[in-house]
Amino acid sequence: MRVILILAVAALIVGVSVPAGASLLSDLFGVTLSVNGAGVFNNSWAPVTSTADYFVDDNWSTYFARTPHGGEMFDIEAIYFDNDASFAYMAVVTSLPVPLGASYLGETVLPGDLAIDLGDGSHDVGIDIDEGTGVVADVVLGDWYQSSSNFFAEIGPTHFDGGVPLGLASFNYYDYGLVERGYSTYVFELTVPRAALKNPVHGDAIGLTWSMGCRNDVINLDGTFDGDTVVPEPGTMLLLGSGLLGMVGVVRRRRK
């Protein structure tokens, strides 16, 4: 039991210790976050590679008129996707602390699990985020549930419980060290074996949806598996985290 605990802690350390300068967001997608004198994002959100798919949902910007309920603390800024021959790469920028969440109206609002649509119009794959395991599971609608009793802007499930394990993603998360509109900025990244996504081929569609337990904000991205991308050097470090998590084993999730 002690060995398992040590491995679990080691895997989490790998997850949180990768700095913003060595990450998928910066090294693969080529995005460097910055703010102006008023503390508002002034960076380009566009990835440097033409094969990457992305969507910006910074609700305090000119992209949208609405703001997330509860303000900047629940703002989801952007989501990214790309792939190479062996892996899919995903990154999300948000103001919600990952994976611990934040206290709101007497509840701890957890980051939601990542929902993936592999082209059939449903969330048929989920990746665990809130427990920090990166477990990839084949799920059905009945496996998804709302983790918070408080929700305002959006309606729908946020977390999954159960399903059939398909594999393990490397889960990397960190505080970017940047304060925007008075709140810290967090990034989480996933390196997912394509085999755990049911072996998609060139041209196959993928849909990503992420929210938090209260669904005060939500982001969606429609992407495509396309030409291979050069794997960034930090990917090796991320895969180490995946290996450690694999040694820990898959623990059945419990409803919050």
Protein backbone atom coordinates (compact mmCIF):
# COMPACT_ATOMS: atom_id res chain seq x y z
CA MET A 1 0.00 0.00 0.00
CA ARG A 2 2.86 2.37 0.85
CA VAL A 3 4.52 1.68 -2.52
CA ILE A 4 1.29 2.50 -4.37
CA LEU A 5 0.96 5.74 -2.41
CA ILE A 6 4.55 6.73 -3.22
CA LEU A 7 4.00 6.04 -6.92
CA ALA A 8 0.77 8.05 -6.91
CA VAL A 9 2.49 11.02 -5.29
CA ALA A 10 5.39 10.74 -7.73
CA ALA A 11 2.99 10.77 -10.67
CA LEU A 12 1.31 13.90 -9.35
CA ILE A 13 4.68 15.59 -8.83
CA VAL A 14 5.53 14.92 -12.47
CA GLY A 15 2.18 16.42 -13.39
CA VAL A 16 2.63 19.68 -11.53
CA SER A 17 6.36 20.24 -11.86
CA VAL A 18 6.54 20.89 -15.61
CA PRO A 19 6.82 24.69 -15.94
CA ALA A 20 4.94 26.81 -18.44
CA GLY A 21 8.14 27.10 -20.49
CA ALA A 22 8.16 23.31 -21.10
CA SER A 23 4.63 22.39 -22.02
CA LEU A 24 2.35 21.46 -24.87
CA LEU A 25 0.83 24.94 -24.82
CA SER A 26 4.16 26.64 -25.46
CA ASP A 27 6.27 24.00 -27.19
CA LEU A 28 3.68 22.29 -29.39
CA PHE A 29 0.98 24.90 -29.92
CA GLY A 30 3.40 27.84 -29.70
CA VAL A 31 1.17 29.97 -27.48
CA THR A 32 2.71 32.30 -24.89
CA LEU A 33 0.19 33.96 -22.59
CA SER A 34 0.63 37.60 -21.61
CA VAL A 35 -1.42 40.48 -20.21
CA ASN A 36 -1.37 44.24 -20.77
CA GLY A 37 -1.08 46.96 -18.14
CA ALA A 38 -4.75 46.52 -17.27
CA GLY A 39 -4.23 42.83 -16.53
CA VAL A 40 -6.11 41.61 -19.62
CA PHE A 41 -4.84 39.01 -22.08
CA ASN A 42 -3.09 40.63 -25.04
CA ASN A 43 -1.42 37.55 -26.56
CA SER A 44 -2.19 35.83 -29.82
CA TRP A 45 -4.21 32.67 -29.20
CA ALA A 46 -3.46 31.20 -32.64
CA PRO A 47 -1.28 28.04 -32.66
CA VAL A 48 1.85 28.06 -34.78
CA THR A 49 1.09 24.81 -36.60
CA SER A 50 -1.56 24.67 -39.32
CA THR A 51 -2.61 21.17 -38.26
CA ALA A 52 -3.79 22.31 -34.82
CA ASP A 53 -7.45 22.99 -34.03
CA TYR A 54 -8.36 25.54 -31.39
CA PHE A 55 -11.18 27.65 -30.02
CA VAL A 56 -10.99 30.77 -27.88
CA ASP A 57 -13.72 31.35 -25.31
CA ASP A 58 -12.27 34.26 -23.32
CA ASN A 59 -15.64 35.72 -22.41
CA TRP A 60 -14.13 38.97 -21.23
CA SER A 61 -12.77 39.70 -24.69
CA THR A 62 -14.35 40.74 -27.97
CA TYR A 63 -15.07 37.10 -28.82
CA PHE A 64 -18.25 37.00 -26.72
CA ALA A 65 -20.52 39.51 -25.04
CA ARG A 66 -21.52 37.25 -22.15
CA THR A 67 -19.39 36.50 -19.11
CA PRO A 68 -19.39 33.30 -17.03
CA HIS A 69 -21.62 33.35 -13.98
CA GLY A 70 -19.46 34.10 -10.97
CA GLY A 71 -17.00 36.07 -13.08
CA GLU A 72 -13.39 35.48 -14.01
CA MET A 73 -12.87 32.65 -11.50
CA PHE A 74 -14.93 30.38 -13.78
CA ASP A 75 -13.70 31.65 -17.12
CA ILE A 76 -12.44 29.08 -19.64
CA GLU A 77 -10.09 30.89 -22.00
CA ALA A 78 -9.14 28.50 -24.79
CA ILE A 79 -8.83 24.86 -25.88
CA TYR A 80 -6.36 23.24 -28.31
CA PHE A 81 -6.04 19.91 -30.15
CA ASP A 82 -3.42 18.31 -32.41
CA ASN A 83 -2.07 14.84 -33.13
CA ASP A 84 0.79 12.85 -34.53
CA ALA A 85 1.00 9.22 -35.62
CA SER A 86 0.80 7.86 -32.07
CA PHE A 87 -0.79 10.47 -29.80
CA ALA A 88 -3.43 13.16 -29.54
CA TYR A 89 -2.49 16.37 -27.71
CA MET A 90 -4.95 18.61 -25.86
CA ALA A 91 -4.57 21.77 -23.78
CA VAL A 92 -7.06 23.95 -21.90
CA VAL A 93 -6.49 27.41 -20.40
CA THR A 94 -8.78 28.41 -17.53
CA SER A 95 -9.03 30.50 -14.37
CA LEU A 96 -10.37 27.57 -12.32
CA PRO A 97 -7.64 25.87 -10.26
CA VAL A 98 -6.88 22.39 -11.64
CA PRO A 99 -7.33 19.80 -10.24
CA LEU A 100 -8.34 21.10 -6.79
CA GLY A 101 -11.16 23.40 -7.91
CA ALA A 102 -12.47 26.40 -5.97
CA SER A 103 -14.96 27.11 -3.21
CA TYR A 104 -18.19 28.76 -4.35
CA LEU A 105 -21.56 29.15 -2.57
CA GLY A 106 -20.61 26.58 0.04
CA GLU A 107 -19.41 23.96 -2.44
CA THR A 108 -16.06 22.95 -3.83
CA VAL A 109 -16.44 23.36 -7.57
CA LEU A 110 -14.27 20.75 -9.25
CA PRO A 111 -12.90 20.89 -12.77
CA GLY A 112 -15.01 18.64 -14.97
CA ASP A 113 -13.83 15.56 -16.79
CA LEU A 114 -13.03 16.02 -20.47
CA ALA A 115 -15.82 14.70 -22.71
CA ILE A 116 -14.88 13.45 -26.18
CA ASP A 117 -17.12 12.82 -29.16
CA LEU A 118 -15.50 10.52 -31.71
CA GLY A 119 -17.95 11.37 -34.44
CA ASP A 120 -21.24 9.82 -33.39
CA GLY A 121 -22.67 12.93 -31.77
CA SER A 122 -22.36 11.72 -28.16
CA HIS A 123 -19.82 11.88 -25.37
CA ASP A 124 -18.58 8.35 -25.90
CA VAL A 125 -15.17 8.80 -24.29
CA GLY A 126 -14.26 10.55 -21.04
CA ILE A 127 -10.88 11.46 -19.56
CA ASP A 128 -10.60 11.87 -15.80
CA ILE A 129 -9.46 15.35 -14.77
CA ASP A 130 -10.72 16.09 -11.26
CA GLU A 131 -9.01 13.08 -9.65
CA GLY A 132 -5.85 13.67 -11.66
CA THR A 133 -5.54 10.11 -13.00
CA GLY A 134 -5.90 10.73 -16.74
CA VAL A 135 -7.93 7.51 -17.08
CA VAL A 136 -9.53 7.25 -20.54
CA ALA A 137 -12.84 5.38 -20.51
CA ASP A 138 -15.47 4.25 -22.98
CA VAL A 139 -18.64 5.75 -21.51
CA VAL A 140 -22.33 6.06 -22.24
CA LEU A 141 -24.78 8.82 -21.36
CA GLY A 142 -25.72 7.11 -18.10
CA ASP A 143 -22.12 7.29 -16.86
CA TRP A 144 -22.18 11.10 -16.86
CA TYR A 145 -23.54 13.17 -13.99
CA GLN A 146 -23.64 16.73 -12.64
CA SER A 147 -21.10 17.01 -9.80
CA SER A 148 -22.33 20.29 -8.30
CA SER A 149 -25.81 21.15 -7.05
CA ASN A 150 -25.20 24.77 -8.10
CA PHE A 151 -25.15 25.55 -11.79
CA PHE A 152 -26.20 28.65 -13.64
CA ALA A 153 -24.99 29.30 -17.18
CA GLU A 154 -25.15 25.83 -18.70
CA ILE A 155 -27.09 22.62 -18.10
CA GLY A 156 -25.68 19.14 -18.52
CA PRO A 157 -23.38 16.49 -17.05
CA THR A 158 -19.85 17.37 -16.02
CA HIS A 159 -18.22 14.15 -14.72
CA PHE A 160 -18.33 10.44 -15.46
CA ASP A 161 -18.40 7.46 -13.13
CA GLY A 162 -17.70 3.97 -14.45
CA GLY A 163 -17.32 3.07 -18.09
CA VAL A 164 -14.81 0.68 -19.63
CA PRO A 165 -11.14 1.74 -19.31
CA LEU A 166 -9.48 2.24 -22.68
CA GLY A 167 -6.06 3.44 -21.55
CA LEU A 168 -4.24 6.17 -19.73
CA ALA A 169 -3.44 9.73 -20.77
CA SER A 170 -0.50 11.70 -19.46
CA PHE A 171 -2.08 14.51 -17.40
CA ASN A 172 -0.02 17.67 -16.90
CA TYR A 173 -1.36 20.69 -15.02
CA TYR A 174 0.21 23.88 -13.67
CA ASP A 175 -0.32 27.43 -12.53
CA TYR A 176 0.90 29.52 -15.48
CA GLY A 177 2.12 32.23 -13.09
CA LEU A 178 0.03 34.92 -14.78
CA VAL A 179 -2.72 36.98 -13.16
CA GLU A 180 -5.49 38.01 -15.54
CA ARG A 181 -8.37 40.20 -14.31
CA GLY A 182 -7.36 39.48 -10.73
CA TYR A 183 -7.26 35.67 -10.97
CA SER A 184 -4.47 33.18 -11.58
CA THR A 185 -4.30 31.36 -14.89
CA TYR A 186 -4.14 27.55 -14.99
CA VAL A 187 -3.35 25.15 -17.82
CA PHE A 188 -3.98 21.43 -18.08
CA GLU A 189 -2.66 19.26 -20.88
CA LEU A 190 -3.25 15.71 -22.05
CA THR A 191 -1.12 13.41 -24.16
CA VAL A 192 -3.46 10.57 -25.18
CA PRO A 193 -2.44 7.39 -27.01
CA ARG A 194 -4.48 7.14 -30.19
CA ALA A 195 -5.19 3.52 -29.31
CA ALA A 196 -7.08 4.79 -26.25
CA LEU A 197 -9.26 6.84 -28.61
CA LYS A 198 -10.25 3.75 -30.60
CA ASN A 199 -7.50 4.18 -33.20
CA PRO A 200 -8.81 7.11 -35.29
CA VAL A 201 -7.47 7.47 -38.81
CA HIS A 202 -6.62 10.46 -40.97
CA GLY A 203 -9.70 12.63 -41.50
CA ASP A 204 -11.68 11.30 -38.52
CA ALA A 205 -13.52 13.93 -36.51
CA ILE A 206 -13.15 14.58 -32.79
CA GLY A 207 -15.18 16.84 -30.52
CA LEU A 208 -13.93 18.09 -27.15
CA THR A 209 -16.14 19.54 -24.39
CA TRP A 210 -14.94 20.77 -21.03
CA SER A 211 -16.64 22.54 -18.15
CA MET A 212 -16.54 22.64 -14.36
CA GLY A 213 -18.86 21.09 -11.80
CA CYS A 214 -21.09 24.17 -11.62
CA ARG A 215 -21.09 24.62 -15.43
CA ASN A 216 -20.72 28.38 -15.02
CA ASP A 217 -18.77 28.22 -18.27
CA VAL A 218 -18.23 25.59 -20.95
CA ILE A 219 -16.03 25.26 -24.03
CA ASN A 220 -16.36 23.09 -27.15
CA LEU A 221 -13.95 22.31 -29.96
CA ASP A 222 -14.49 20.39 -33.20
CA GLY A 223 -11.23 19.02 -34.56
CA THR A 224 -9.88 16.51 -37.08
CA PHE A 225 -7.13 13.92 -37.00
CA ASP A 226 -4.81 15.05 -39.75
CA GLY A 227 -1.14 15.28 -40.76
CA ASP A 228 1.48 14.26 -38.23
CA THR A 229 2.90 16.87 -35.89
CA VAL A 230 6.48 17.00 -34.64
CA VAL A 231 6.44 15.76 -31.04
CA PRO A 232 7.86 18.36 -28.61
CA GLU A 233 10.68 17.35 -26.28
CA PRO A 234 8.54 17.84 -23.12
CA GLY A 235 6.36 15.00 -24.38
CA THR A 236 8.93 12.58 -23.00
CA MET A 237 8.46 14.03 -19.54
CA LEU A 238 4.71 13.89 -19.86
CA LEU A 239 4.82 10.23 -20.84
CA LEU A 240 6.84 9.52 -17.71
CA GLY A 241 3.87 10.75 -15.70
CA SER A 242 1.63 8.43 -17.69
CA GLY A 243 3.87 5.47 -16.94
CA LEU A 244 3.85 6.19 -13.22
CA LEU A 245 0.11 6.51 -13.21
CA GLY A 246 -0.13 3.20 -15.05
CA MET A 247 1.83 1.55 -12.25
CA VAL A 248 -0.60 2.96 -9.73
CA GLY A 249 -3.47 1.29 -11.56
CA VAL A 250 -6.96 2.36 -12.40
CA VAL A 251 -9.05 3.12 -9.35
CA ARG A 252 -12.79 3.03 -9.78
CA ARG A 253 -14.15 6.55 -9.60
CA ARG A 254 -16.66 7.57 -6.96
CA ARG A 255 -19.36 10.15 -7.32
CA LYS A 256 -18.61 13.40 -5.52
